[in-house]
Amino acid sequence: MARLSKSPIVEILKESQPVEVGRRLRAVRMSRGLSIRALAEQSNLNVNTLSLIENGRTSPSVSTLQVIAQTLQVPITTFFEEDSTSQSVIHRRAGESSHVKFSHGTIENLGSNVPRFGAEPLIITLDPLAGSGKVPIVHTGSEFVYCLEGNITYQVDEKSYLLKPGDSLIFEAHLPHFWHNKDNSPSRMLLVLCPLDGRDQPAERHFGR
């Protein structure tokens, strides 16, 4: 009996590194302005499964990638293509960055669709009285916060810091931390996440993207 030839996609998937597939998946998702929860709902896949794939901690099956590709309306080969976006200088005009909604506001990703360079710069708009929840946030590297509008309270290692426009805060992100907008109006901040581990996705810990 003749042996059936294997699918080219199966062979490519075997040769691909989970970290690369996950990183490309995350880039496509963000370019569509989707949170990880929104993608999970639209694809009927588990949020934890998608998170493991994006973090490079598991290799997705071909059938899973097909479902994701159909949901994102891209060819499945998109997840295996070589990056062609590497540039020495990135210039973005106002309004050109991608925006993603999360449960407590909006994220403007200033670094979307560009290679990661050790930091993730985000503009965060927090809804009135929004908070990060009761579970402390912990991740690798450091975190920089600059208040743009309103009043934002950060609790780091059990100490509270009230940030008003122009105030900033930088700290080691392994320290348990929370954020809270105690105003009755939206607040905005520049948040720069600087993980030490390239597989770490601290934005997911902050906003459940």
N, C-alpha and C. Protein backbone atom coordinates (compact mmCIF):
# COMPACT_ATOMS: atom_id res chain seq x y z
N MET A 1 0.86 -1.20 0.00
CA MET A 1 0.00 0.00 0.00
C MET A 1 0.89 1.24 0.00
N ALA A 2 0.55 2.17 -0.87
CA ALA A 2 1.36 3.38 -0.96
C ALA A 2 1.17 4.25 0.27
N ARG A 3 2.23 4.85 0.75
CA ARG A 3 2.15 5.74 1.90
C ARG A 3 1.61 7.07 1.50
N LEU A 4 0.69 7.59 2.33
CA LEU A 4 0.12 8.91 2.06
C LEU A 4 1.15 9.96 2.39
N SER A 5 1.29 10.96 1.55
CA SER A 5 2.24 12.04 1.80
C SER A 5 1.69 12.95 2.88
N LYS A 6 2.58 13.46 3.69
CA LYS A 6 2.17 14.34 4.78
C LYS A 6 1.88 15.74 4.26
N SER A 7 0.95 16.43 4.97
CA SER A 7 0.61 17.80 4.59
C SER A 7 1.82 18.71 4.74
N PRO A 8 2.07 19.59 3.77
CA PRO A 8 3.19 20.54 3.91
C PRO A 8 3.08 21.39 5.16
N ILE A 9 1.84 21.72 5.57
CA ILE A 9 1.64 22.52 6.77
C ILE A 9 2.11 21.76 8.01
N VAL A 10 1.84 20.43 8.03
CA VAL A 10 2.29 19.62 9.16
C VAL A 10 3.81 19.64 9.25
N GLU A 11 4.48 19.52 8.10
CA GLU A 11 5.94 19.53 8.09
C GLU A 11 6.48 20.89 8.53
N ILE A 12 5.86 21.97 8.06
CA ILE A 12 6.30 23.31 8.46
C ILE A 12 6.11 23.51 9.96
N LEU A 13 4.96 23.05 10.47
CA LEU A 13 4.67 23.21 11.88
C LEU A 13 5.68 22.47 12.74
N LYS A 14 6.12 21.29 12.29
CA LYS A 14 7.12 20.53 13.03
C LYS A 14 8.44 21.27 13.09
N GLU A 15 8.77 21.98 12.02
CA GLU A 15 10.05 22.68 11.95
C GLU A 15 10.03 24.03 12.64
N SER A 16 8.83 24.58 12.86
CA SER A 16 8.71 25.92 13.43
C SER A 16 8.85 25.88 14.95
N GLN A 17 9.41 26.93 15.51
CA GLN A 17 9.52 27.05 16.95
C GLN A 17 8.22 27.61 17.50
N PRO A 18 7.68 27.05 18.62
CA PRO A 18 6.44 27.56 19.21
C PRO A 18 6.49 29.05 19.51
N VAL A 19 7.68 29.54 19.95
CA VAL A 19 7.80 30.96 20.27
C VAL A 19 7.54 31.82 19.04
N GLU A 20 8.07 31.40 17.87
CA GLU A 20 7.90 32.18 16.65
C GLU A 20 6.44 32.15 16.19
N VAL A 21 5.82 30.96 16.23
CA VAL A 21 4.41 30.84 15.83
C VAL A 21 3.54 31.68 16.75
N GLY A 22 3.79 31.59 18.05
CA GLY A 22 3.01 32.36 19.02
C GLY A 22 3.18 33.85 18.85
N ARG A 23 4.41 34.28 18.58
CA ARG A 23 4.66 35.71 18.41
C ARG A 23 3.94 36.25 17.17
N ARG A 24 3.95 35.47 16.10
CA ARG A 24 3.26 35.92 14.89
C ARG A 24 1.76 35.93 15.07
N LEU A 25 1.25 34.93 15.80
CA LEU A 25 -0.19 34.91 16.09
C LEU A 25 -0.59 36.15 16.87
N ARG A 26 0.21 36.48 17.88
CA ARG A 26 -0.10 37.66 18.70
C ARG A 26 -0.06 38.94 17.87
N ALA A 27 0.91 39.04 16.96
CA ALA A 27 1.01 40.23 16.11
C ALA A 27 -0.22 40.38 15.21
N VAL A 28 -0.68 39.25 14.65
CA VAL A 28 -1.86 39.30 13.78
C VAL A 28 -3.10 39.67 14.59
N ARG A 29 -3.23 39.05 15.77
CA ARG A 29 -4.38 39.36 16.62
C ARG A 29 -4.43 40.84 16.99
N MET A 30 -3.28 41.37 17.41
CA MET A 30 -3.23 42.78 17.79
C MET A 30 -3.51 43.69 16.60
N SER A 31 -3.05 43.31 15.42
CA SER A 31 -3.31 44.14 14.24
C SER A 31 -4.79 44.19 13.90
N ARG A 32 -5.55 43.19 14.36
CA ARG A 32 -6.99 43.16 14.15
C ARG A 32 -7.74 43.89 15.27
N GLY A 33 -6.99 44.36 16.27
CA GLY A 33 -7.61 45.07 17.38
C GLY A 33 -8.42 44.16 18.29
N LEU A 34 -8.00 42.89 18.40
CA LEU A 34 -8.73 41.92 19.21
C LEU A 34 -7.98 41.63 20.50
N SER A 35 -8.71 41.53 21.60
CA SER A 35 -8.12 41.02 22.83
C SER A 35 -8.06 39.51 22.73
N ILE A 36 -7.26 38.90 23.58
CA ILE A 36 -7.15 37.45 23.54
C ILE A 36 -8.48 36.80 23.91
N ARG A 37 -9.24 37.45 24.77
CA ARG A 37 -10.56 36.93 25.14
C ARG A 37 -11.54 37.03 23.98
N ALA A 38 -11.46 38.12 23.23
CA ALA A 38 -12.33 38.27 22.07
C ALA A 38 -12.04 37.20 21.02
N LEU A 39 -10.76 36.93 20.80
CA LEU A 39 -10.39 35.88 19.85
C LEU A 39 -10.88 34.52 20.33
N ALA A 40 -10.79 34.28 21.63
CA ALA A 40 -11.26 33.02 22.18
C ALA A 40 -12.75 32.85 21.96
N GLU A 41 -13.51 33.92 22.18
CA GLU A 41 -14.96 33.86 21.99
C GLU A 41 -15.33 33.64 20.53
N GLN A 42 -14.64 34.33 19.62
CA GLN A 42 -14.96 34.22 18.21
C GLN A 42 -14.54 32.87 17.62
N SER A 43 -13.49 32.28 18.15
CA SER A 43 -12.98 31.02 17.61
C SER A 43 -13.47 29.79 18.38
N ASN A 44 -14.15 30.05 19.52
CA ASN A 44 -14.60 28.95 20.40
C ASN A 44 -13.43 28.14 20.95
N LEU A 45 -12.29 28.80 21.11
CA LEU A 45 -11.13 28.16 21.72
C LEU A 45 -10.96 28.67 23.15
N ASN A 46 -10.25 27.91 23.96
CA ASN A 46 -10.03 28.28 25.34
C ASN A 46 -9.02 29.42 25.45
N VAL A 47 -9.29 30.38 26.33
CA VAL A 47 -8.37 31.51 26.53
C VAL A 47 -6.99 31.01 26.95
N ASN A 48 -6.96 30.04 27.85
CA ASN A 48 -5.67 29.52 28.32
C ASN A 48 -4.89 28.86 27.19
N THR A 49 -5.61 28.18 26.29
CA THR A 49 -4.95 27.56 25.15
C THR A 49 -4.29 28.60 24.27
N LEU A 50 -5.02 29.68 23.97
CA LEU A 50 -4.47 30.75 23.14
C LEU A 50 -3.29 31.42 23.83
N SER A 51 -3.39 31.61 25.14
CA SER A 51 -2.32 32.25 25.89
C SER A 51 -1.06 31.39 25.85
N LEU A 52 -1.20 30.07 26.01
CA LEU A 52 -0.05 29.17 25.96
C LEU A 52 0.61 29.20 24.59
N ILE A 53 -0.21 29.26 23.53
CA ILE A 53 0.34 29.32 22.17
C ILE A 53 1.11 30.62 21.97
N GLU A 54 0.50 31.75 22.35
CA GLU A 54 1.15 33.05 22.14
C GLU A 54 2.42 33.19 22.96
N ASN A 55 2.46 32.55 24.11
CA ASN A 55 3.65 32.63 24.97
C ASN A 55 4.72 31.63 24.58
N GLY A 56 4.45 30.82 23.53
CA GLY A 56 5.44 29.85 23.08
C GLY A 56 5.61 28.67 24.00
N ARG A 57 4.61 28.40 24.83
CA ARG A 57 4.71 27.32 25.81
C ARG A 57 4.07 26.02 25.32
N THR A 58 3.43 26.08 24.15
CA THR A 58 2.87 24.86 23.56
C THR A 58 2.84 25.00 22.05
N SER A 59 2.92 23.88 21.36
CA SER A 59 2.84 23.89 19.90
C SER A 59 1.40 23.60 19.49
N PRO A 60 0.77 24.49 18.74
CA PRO A 60 -0.62 24.27 18.35
C PRO A 60 -0.73 23.19 17.28
N SER A 61 -1.86 22.50 17.26
CA SER A 61 -2.11 21.53 16.20
C SER A 61 -2.51 22.27 14.93
N VAL A 62 -2.45 21.56 13.80
CA VAL A 62 -2.84 22.17 12.53
C VAL A 62 -4.31 22.57 12.57
N SER A 63 -5.15 21.71 13.16
CA SER A 63 -6.58 22.01 13.21
C SER A 63 -6.85 23.27 14.04
N THR A 64 -6.11 23.45 15.14
CA THR A 64 -6.27 24.65 15.97
C THR A 64 -5.84 25.90 15.19
N LEU A 65 -4.71 25.81 14.50
CA LEU A 65 -4.25 26.95 13.70
C LEU A 65 -5.22 27.28 12.57
N GLN A 66 -5.84 26.26 12.01
CA GLN A 66 -6.82 26.50 10.94
C GLN A 66 -8.02 27.28 11.47
N VAL A 67 -8.47 26.89 12.66
CA VAL A 67 -9.59 27.61 13.28
C VAL A 67 -9.21 29.07 13.54
N ILE A 68 -8.00 29.28 14.07
CA ILE A 68 -7.54 30.64 14.36
C ILE A 68 -7.40 31.44 13.07
N ALA A 69 -6.82 30.82 12.05
CA ALA A 69 -6.64 31.51 10.77
C ALA A 69 -7.98 31.90 10.16
N GLN A 70 -8.96 31.01 10.22
CA GLN A 70 -10.28 31.32 9.69
C GLN A 70 -10.93 32.46 10.47
N THR A 71 -10.75 32.46 11.79
CA THR A 71 -11.32 33.52 12.62
C THR A 71 -10.68 34.87 12.30
N LEU A 72 -9.36 34.88 12.12
CA LEU A 72 -8.64 36.12 11.82
C LEU A 72 -8.67 36.47 10.33
N GLN A 73 -9.21 35.56 9.52
CA GLN A 73 -9.32 35.77 8.08
C GLN A 73 -7.96 36.00 7.42
N VAL A 74 -7.04 35.08 7.74
CA VAL A 74 -5.70 35.10 7.13
C VAL A 74 -5.34 33.68 6.71
N PRO A 75 -4.45 33.51 5.74
CA PRO A 75 -3.97 32.17 5.39
C PRO A 75 -3.22 31.57 6.57
N ILE A 76 -3.31 30.26 6.74
CA ILE A 76 -2.62 29.61 7.85
C ILE A 76 -1.11 29.78 7.74
N THR A 77 -0.60 29.97 6.53
CA THR A 77 0.84 30.16 6.34
C THR A 77 1.34 31.47 6.94
N THR A 78 0.42 32.38 7.27
CA THR A 78 0.80 33.66 7.89
C THR A 78 1.61 33.43 9.16
N PHE A 79 1.30 32.36 9.87
CA PHE A 79 1.95 32.09 11.16
C PHE A 79 3.35 31.51 11.00
N PHE A 80 3.76 31.24 9.75
CA PHE A 80 5.08 30.66 9.53
C PHE A 80 5.97 31.55 8.67
N GLU A 81 5.42 32.70 8.23
CA GLU A 81 6.18 33.57 7.34
C GLU A 81 7.29 34.28 8.10
N GLU A 82 8.38 34.53 7.41
CA GLU A 82 9.48 35.29 8.01
C GLU A 82 9.07 36.74 8.19
N ASP A 83 9.54 37.33 9.28
CA ASP A 83 9.25 38.74 9.53
C ASP A 83 9.86 39.61 8.45
N SER A 84 9.09 40.61 8.01
CA SER A 84 9.60 41.56 7.02
C SER A 84 9.43 42.99 7.49
N THR A 85 9.16 43.13 8.83
CA THR A 85 8.86 44.44 9.36
C THR A 85 10.03 45.09 10.09
N SER A 86 11.17 44.40 10.13
CA SER A 86 12.31 44.92 10.89
C SER A 86 12.80 46.23 10.30
N GLN A 87 12.83 47.26 11.14
CA GLN A 87 13.27 48.59 10.72
C GLN A 87 14.14 49.18 11.82
N SER A 88 15.03 50.06 11.41
CA SER A 88 15.90 50.72 12.38
C SER A 88 15.20 51.87 13.08
N VAL A 89 14.24 52.51 12.38
CA VAL A 89 13.52 53.65 12.93
C VAL A 89 12.03 53.46 12.66
N ILE A 90 11.21 53.65 13.67
CA ILE A 90 9.76 53.55 13.53
C ILE A 90 9.15 54.91 13.84
N HIS A 91 8.42 55.48 12.87
CA HIS A 91 7.75 56.77 13.07
C HIS A 91 6.25 56.57 12.88
N ARG A 92 5.49 56.90 13.91
CA ARG A 92 4.04 56.78 13.82
C ARG A 92 3.41 58.12 14.12
N ARG A 93 2.46 58.51 13.27
CA ARG A 93 1.71 59.74 13.52
C ARG A 93 0.54 59.44 14.45
N ALA A 94 -0.01 60.49 15.03
CA ALA A 94 -1.14 60.34 15.95
C ALA A 94 -2.28 59.61 15.25
N GLY A 95 -2.83 58.64 15.96
CA GLY A 95 -3.97 57.91 15.43
C GLY A 95 -3.62 56.69 14.62
N GLU A 96 -2.32 56.45 14.37
CA GLU A 96 -1.92 55.30 13.54
C GLU A 96 -1.72 54.02 14.35
N SER A 97 -1.67 54.12 15.66
CA SER A 97 -1.46 52.92 16.49
C SER A 97 -2.77 52.16 16.65
N SER A 98 -2.65 50.84 16.87
CA SER A 98 -3.83 50.02 17.04
C SER A 98 -4.42 50.22 18.44
N HIS A 99 -5.75 50.14 18.51
CA HIS A 99 -6.46 50.29 19.78
C HIS A 99 -7.18 48.97 20.10
N VAL A 100 -7.08 48.54 21.35
CA VAL A 100 -7.74 47.32 21.79
C VAL A 100 -8.53 47.63 23.06
N LYS A 101 -9.79 47.22 23.09
CA LYS A 101 -10.60 47.40 24.29
C LYS A 101 -10.37 46.23 25.24
N PHE A 102 -10.36 46.53 26.54
CA PHE A 102 -10.34 45.49 27.55
C PHE A 102 -11.43 45.82 28.55
N SER A 103 -11.58 45.00 29.57
CA SER A 103 -12.76 45.11 30.44
C SER A 103 -12.86 46.43 31.18
N HIS A 104 -11.73 47.17 31.34
CA HIS A 104 -11.77 48.41 32.14
C HIS A 104 -11.33 49.64 31.37
N GLY A 105 -11.26 49.54 30.03
CA GLY A 105 -10.84 50.72 29.27
C GLY A 105 -10.31 50.36 27.90
N THR A 106 -9.31 51.13 27.45
CA THR A 106 -8.76 50.98 26.11
C THR A 106 -7.24 51.00 26.16
N ILE A 107 -6.61 50.16 25.32
CA ILE A 107 -5.16 50.12 25.19
C ILE A 107 -4.77 50.60 23.81
N GLU A 108 -3.88 51.59 23.73
CA GLU A 108 -3.30 52.01 22.45
C GLU A 108 -1.87 51.47 22.43
N ASN A 109 -1.63 50.52 21.55
CA ASN A 109 -0.33 49.85 21.50
C ASN A 109 0.60 50.64 20.57
N LEU A 110 1.54 51.37 21.13
CA LEU A 110 2.46 52.18 20.35
C LEU A 110 3.50 51.34 19.63
N GLY A 111 3.62 50.06 19.99
CA GLY A 111 4.63 49.21 19.39
C GLY A 111 4.06 48.06 18.59
N SER A 112 2.78 48.13 18.20
CA SER A 112 2.19 47.03 17.45
C SER A 112 2.77 46.94 16.04
N ASN A 113 2.86 45.70 15.55
CA ASN A 113 3.36 45.42 14.19
C ASN A 113 4.82 45.78 13.99
N VAL A 114 5.56 45.94 15.06
CA VAL A 114 7.00 46.19 14.93
C VAL A 114 7.72 45.17 15.80
N PRO A 115 8.98 44.86 15.49
CA PRO A 115 9.71 43.87 16.28
C PRO A 115 9.84 44.31 17.73
N ARG A 116 9.73 43.34 18.66
CA ARG A 116 9.90 43.66 20.07
C ARG A 116 11.35 43.99 20.34
N PHE A 117 11.59 45.05 21.11
CA PHE A 117 12.96 45.48 21.37
C PHE A 117 13.23 45.53 22.86
N GLY A 118 12.51 44.72 23.61
CA GLY A 118 12.72 44.66 25.05
C GLY A 118 11.78 45.51 25.86
N ALA A 119 10.90 46.27 25.19
CA ALA A 119 9.92 47.09 25.89
C ALA A 119 8.63 47.14 25.09
N GLU A 120 7.52 47.28 25.79
CA GLU A 120 6.22 47.39 25.14
C GLU A 120 5.56 48.69 25.60
N PRO A 121 5.54 49.74 24.76
CA PRO A 121 4.95 51.02 25.15
C PRO A 121 3.45 51.05 24.85
N LEU A 122 2.67 51.41 25.86
CA LEU A 122 1.21 51.40 25.73
C LEU A 122 0.63 52.69 26.30
N ILE A 123 -0.42 53.21 25.65
CA ILE A 123 -1.22 54.29 26.22
C ILE A 123 -2.49 53.64 26.75
N ILE A 124 -2.74 53.75 28.05
CA ILE A 124 -3.87 53.10 28.68
C ILE A 124 -4.90 54.15 29.10
N THR A 125 -6.14 53.97 28.66
CA THR A 125 -7.25 54.80 29.12
C THR A 125 -8.09 53.96 30.07
N LEU A 126 -8.16 54.36 31.32
CA LEU A 126 -8.88 53.60 32.34
C LEU A 126 -10.26 54.18 32.55
N ASP A 127 -11.27 53.33 32.57
CA ASP A 127 -12.63 53.76 32.85
C ASP A 127 -12.73 54.31 34.26
N PRO A 128 -13.75 55.12 34.54
CA PRO A 128 -13.94 55.62 35.92
C PRO A 128 -14.02 54.48 36.92
N LEU A 129 -13.32 54.63 38.02
CA LEU A 129 -13.33 53.69 39.15
C LEU A 129 -12.83 52.29 38.78
N ALA A 130 -12.13 52.16 37.66
CA ALA A 130 -11.62 50.85 37.23
C ALA A 130 -10.41 50.45 38.05
N GLY A 131 -10.29 49.16 38.33
CA GLY A 131 -9.14 48.64 39.06
C GLY A 131 -8.66 47.33 38.47
N SER A 132 -7.46 46.94 38.82
CA SER A 132 -6.87 45.72 38.26
C SER A 132 -7.37 44.45 38.94
N GLY A 133 -8.13 44.59 40.02
CA GLY A 133 -8.67 43.43 40.71
C GLY A 133 -7.94 43.11 42.00
N LYS A 134 -8.34 42.00 42.61
CA LYS A 134 -7.80 41.62 43.91
C LYS A 134 -6.53 40.79 43.81
N VAL A 135 -6.26 40.21 42.63
CA VAL A 135 -5.07 39.37 42.47
C VAL A 135 -3.89 40.25 42.08
N PRO A 136 -2.79 40.23 42.83
CA PRO A 136 -1.64 41.08 42.50
C PRO A 136 -1.01 40.70 41.16
N ILE A 137 -0.47 41.69 40.46
CA ILE A 137 0.21 41.48 39.18
C ILE A 137 1.69 41.30 39.46
N VAL A 138 2.27 40.26 38.87
CA VAL A 138 3.70 39.98 39.04
C VAL A 138 4.25 39.49 37.70
N HIS A 139 5.36 40.05 37.26
CA HIS A 139 6.00 39.58 36.03
C HIS A 139 7.48 39.93 36.06
N THR A 140 8.19 39.54 35.03
CA THR A 140 9.63 39.78 35.00
C THR A 140 9.95 41.22 34.58
N GLY A 141 11.19 41.63 34.82
CA GLY A 141 11.66 42.92 34.33
C GLY A 141 11.22 44.10 35.18
N SER A 142 10.98 45.22 34.50
CA SER A 142 10.60 46.46 35.19
C SER A 142 9.38 47.08 34.51
N GLU A 143 8.82 48.07 35.17
CA GLU A 143 7.60 48.73 34.67
C GLU A 143 7.73 50.24 34.90
N PHE A 144 7.37 51.01 33.87
CA PHE A 144 7.41 52.47 33.95
C PHE A 144 6.00 53.01 33.71
N VAL A 145 5.55 53.89 34.59
CA VAL A 145 4.21 54.48 34.49
C VAL A 145 4.34 56.00 34.49
N TYR A 146 3.64 56.65 33.54
CA TYR A 146 3.62 58.12 33.48
C TYR A 146 2.17 58.55 33.34
N CYS A 147 1.68 59.29 34.32
CA CYS A 147 0.29 59.73 34.32
C CYS A 147 0.09 60.89 33.33
N LEU A 148 -0.87 60.73 32.42
CA LEU A 148 -1.17 61.76 31.43
C LEU A 148 -2.39 62.60 31.81
N GLU A 149 -3.42 61.93 32.31
CA GLU A 149 -4.66 62.62 32.70
C GLU A 149 -5.26 61.93 33.91
N GLY A 150 -5.96 62.69 34.73
CA GLY A 150 -6.66 62.12 35.87
C GLY A 150 -5.75 61.80 37.03
N ASN A 151 -6.18 60.84 37.84
CA ASN A 151 -5.43 60.41 39.01
C ASN A 151 -5.42 58.89 39.06
N ILE A 152 -4.24 58.30 39.10
CA ILE A 152 -4.11 56.85 39.09
C ILE A 152 -3.31 56.42 40.32
N THR A 153 -3.87 55.50 41.06
CA THR A 153 -3.18 54.98 42.23
C THR A 153 -2.54 53.64 41.89
N TYR A 154 -1.26 53.54 42.16
CA TYR A 154 -0.52 52.28 42.01
C TYR A 154 -0.13 51.79 43.39
N GLN A 155 -0.39 50.54 43.67
CA GLN A 155 0.09 49.93 44.90
C GLN A 155 1.19 48.95 44.54
N VAL A 156 2.38 49.20 45.06
CA VAL A 156 3.55 48.35 44.78
C VAL A 156 4.12 47.85 46.09
N ASP A 157 4.13 46.54 46.24
CA ASP A 157 4.70 45.93 47.45
C ASP A 157 4.08 46.53 48.70
N GLU A 158 2.74 46.66 48.68
CA GLU A 158 1.93 47.12 49.80
C GLU A 158 2.06 48.61 50.10
N LYS A 159 2.74 49.37 49.24
CA LYS A 159 2.81 50.81 49.42
C LYS A 159 2.08 51.50 48.26
N SER A 160 1.27 52.52 48.58
CA SER A 160 0.45 53.19 47.57
C SER A 160 1.12 54.46 47.06
N TYR A 161 0.96 54.71 45.75
CA TYR A 161 1.51 55.90 45.11
C TYR A 161 0.40 56.53 44.27
N LEU A 162 0.05 57.78 44.59
CA LEU A 162 -0.95 58.51 43.82
C LEU A 162 -0.25 59.29 42.71
N LEU A 163 -0.59 59.00 41.48
CA LEU A 163 0.02 59.65 40.32
C LEU A 163 -0.94 60.66 39.72
N LYS A 164 -0.50 61.90 39.66
CA LYS A 164 -1.24 62.98 39.00
C LYS A 164 -0.54 63.30 37.68
N PRO A 165 -1.18 64.06 36.78
CA PRO A 165 -0.54 64.35 35.49
C PRO A 165 0.89 64.86 35.63
N GLY A 166 1.82 64.21 34.96
CA GLY A 166 3.23 64.57 35.04
C GLY A 166 4.01 63.72 36.01
N ASP A 167 3.31 62.99 36.91
CA ASP A 167 4.00 62.11 37.86
C ASP A 167 4.37 60.79 37.16
N SER A 168 5.44 60.18 37.62
CA SER A 168 5.87 58.91 37.04
C SER A 168 6.28 57.94 38.14
N LEU A 169 6.38 56.67 37.76
CA LEU A 169 6.74 55.62 38.70
C LEU A 169 7.47 54.54 37.91
N ILE A 170 8.56 54.06 38.46
CA ILE A 170 9.28 52.95 37.84
C ILE A 170 9.66 51.98 38.96
N PHE A 171 9.48 50.69 38.70
CA PHE A 171 9.72 49.70 39.75
C PHE A 171 10.02 48.34 39.16
N GLU A 172 10.60 47.47 39.97
CA GLU A 172 10.88 46.10 39.58
C GLU A 172 9.57 45.32 39.60
N ALA A 173 9.22 44.74 38.45
CA ALA A 173 7.89 44.19 38.26
C ALA A 173 7.65 42.87 38.98
N HIS A 174 8.69 42.30 39.60
CA HIS A 174 8.47 41.09 40.40
C HIS A 174 7.79 41.43 41.72
N LEU A 175 7.76 42.73 42.07
CA LEU A 175 7.04 43.17 43.26
C LEU A 175 5.55 43.15 42.98
N PRO A 176 4.73 42.58 43.86
CA PRO A 176 3.28 42.53 43.62
C PRO A 176 2.72 43.94 43.48
N HIS A 177 1.92 44.17 42.43
CA HIS A 177 1.39 45.52 42.22
C HIS A 177 -0.04 45.49 41.68
N PHE A 178 -0.73 46.58 41.93
CA PHE A 178 -2.11 46.80 41.49
C PHE A 178 -2.21 48.22 40.94
N TRP A 179 -3.22 48.50 40.11
CA TRP A 179 -3.53 49.86 39.69
C TRP A 179 -5.01 50.13 39.90
N HIS A 180 -5.36 51.41 40.08
CA HIS A 180 -6.74 51.78 40.36
C HIS A 180 -6.98 53.23 39.94
N ASN A 181 -8.02 53.46 39.15
CA ASN A 181 -8.47 54.81 38.84
C ASN A 181 -9.62 55.13 39.79
N LYS A 182 -9.37 55.95 40.78
CA LYS A 182 -10.39 56.26 41.77
C LYS A 182 -11.25 57.45 41.37
N ASP A 183 -10.97 58.04 40.20
CA ASP A 183 -11.76 59.18 39.72
C ASP A 183 -13.09 58.72 39.14
N ASN A 184 -14.05 59.64 39.10
CA ASN A 184 -15.34 59.39 38.46
C ASN A 184 -15.29 59.72 36.97
N SER A 185 -14.09 59.93 36.46
CA SER A 185 -13.88 60.21 35.03
C SER A 185 -12.69 59.38 34.56
N PRO A 186 -12.54 59.19 33.24
CA PRO A 186 -11.43 58.37 32.74
C PRO A 186 -10.07 58.99 33.08
N SER A 187 -9.08 58.13 33.26
CA SER A 187 -7.69 58.55 33.46
C SER A 187 -6.84 57.90 32.39
N ARG A 188 -5.71 58.54 32.04
CA ARG A 188 -4.83 58.01 31.00
C ARG A 188 -3.39 57.96 31.50
N MET A 189 -2.67 56.93 31.06
CA MET A 189 -1.27 56.81 31.45
C MET A 189 -0.47 56.18 30.31
N LEU A 190 0.81 56.55 30.28
CA LEU A 190 1.77 55.87 29.43
C LEU A 190 2.38 54.75 30.26
N LEU A 191 2.26 53.52 29.78
CA LEU A 191 2.78 52.37 30.49
C LEU A 191 3.81 51.69 29.60
N VAL A 192 5.03 51.52 30.11
CA VAL A 192 6.09 50.84 29.36
C VAL A 192 6.47 49.59 30.14
N LEU A 193 6.20 48.43 29.54
CA LEU A 193 6.52 47.15 30.16
C LEU A 193 7.83 46.63 29.58
N CYS A 194 8.75 46.25 30.45
CA CYS A 194 10.09 45.82 30.02
C CYS A 194 10.41 44.45 30.60
N PRO A 195 9.83 43.39 30.03
CA PRO A 195 10.09 42.04 30.55
C PRO A 195 11.50 41.57 30.24
N LEU A 196 12.06 40.77 31.14
CA LEU A 196 13.39 40.20 30.92
C LEU A 196 13.31 38.95 30.06
N ASP A 197 12.19 38.24 30.14
CA ASP A 197 11.98 37.00 29.39
C ASP A 197 11.13 37.32 28.16
N GLY A 198 11.64 37.02 26.98
CA GLY A 198 10.92 37.31 25.74
C GLY A 198 9.61 36.57 25.64
N ARG A 199 9.44 35.47 26.39
CA ARG A 199 8.19 34.71 26.36
C ARG A 199 7.15 35.29 27.31
N ASP A 200 7.59 36.17 28.19
CA ASP A 200 6.67 36.77 29.16
C ASP A 200 5.78 37.77 28.45
N GLN A 201 4.50 37.82 28.81
CA GLN A 201 3.55 38.76 28.22
C GLN A 201 2.88 39.53 29.36
N PRO A 202 3.57 40.52 29.93
CA PRO A 202 3.02 41.21 31.10
C PRO A 202 1.71 41.94 30.83
N ALA A 203 1.48 42.36 29.58
CA ALA A 203 0.22 43.03 29.27
C ALA A 203 -0.97 42.14 29.53
N GLU A 204 -0.78 40.83 29.30
CA GLU A 204 -1.86 39.88 29.57
C GLU A 204 -2.19 39.86 31.06
N ARG A 205 -1.17 39.97 31.89
CA ARG A 205 -1.38 39.96 33.35
C ARG A 205 -2.10 41.22 33.80
N HIS A 206 -1.83 42.33 33.13
CA HIS A 206 -2.46 43.60 33.50
C HIS A 206 -3.89 43.70 33.00
N PHE A 207 -4.11 43.31 31.74
CA PHE A 207 -5.38 43.63 31.10
C PHE A 207 -6.11 42.45 30.50
N GLY A 208 -5.58 41.23 30.65
CA GLY A 208 -6.26 40.06 30.12
C GLY A 208 -6.46 40.08 28.63
N ARG A 209 -5.50 40.69 27.88
CA ARG A 209 -5.63 40.79 26.43
C ARG A 209 -5.51 39.44 25.77
